[in-house]
């Protein structure tokens, strides 16, 4: 019998805009603990941290419960895959070396239990915002990354966390806009175009948008956006035959 594969994203741990941050981290840790004997692999699809930037001898303060649980999982033999998002792309070895996770800096096409998955955070896929495209280019540019790390951590962390906070609080209730429909949702439009040249993919799974979406794009292909771990506490689980978008509720048994 196959062990389960789990997918979750967008916890934004450490966000200055989230008042229940410690409770939020503990809930994620309890969820990971509840699935540790059922999981073959866990895919963290980006923005697990609201701002993460490593230096050679320094990493951001906090997250000890979460990082400790990831380390426990990998020590047990559970594969943990960490996808960099648009908030936590500045990782240079710590998560791999200390926590044992597998870091992905780009979208991944992979086969799991005989099905083909396209996995990505989702930023930069079809978004027409030129300002966002420019920022994304600068954030991924190695020269810009080195310049950032030439500044003392007390300044870079403060700037990064406050920038992320401003980005969140300028939205209504700190939440993303609701689903805009197939003809307007950038990730849906991009995925439909990508499918034309890659018709072997069974499942596209994304984070980034902070909405729950489960959409059949063809008889074969299904697209899912998996919510977040700020308000929704949602995840996807695949058992080798069936795939479900679920919500973690404290005290309930999990699949």
Foldseek 3Di string as FASTA:
>chain_A
DFFKEKEAEAAQAPAPQAPCRVVLLVLVLVVLVLRLVRAQEYEYAENNHQAWADDPPDTDPDPVSVLVSLQVSVVVNRAYEYEYDPHYLRDDCCCCPPRVYHYDDAWDWDDDLRATETGHQQPPQQDPDPVSVVSSCLVPDPVSSVVLNVDDPVVSVVVSSVVSNVVQVVDVVSAADADPDCVPDRSNVSVVVVCVVVVRHQEYEHENRQYFDWADPDPRHIYTYQHHSRPFQWMWMDRSPDIDIDHDDPPDRDD
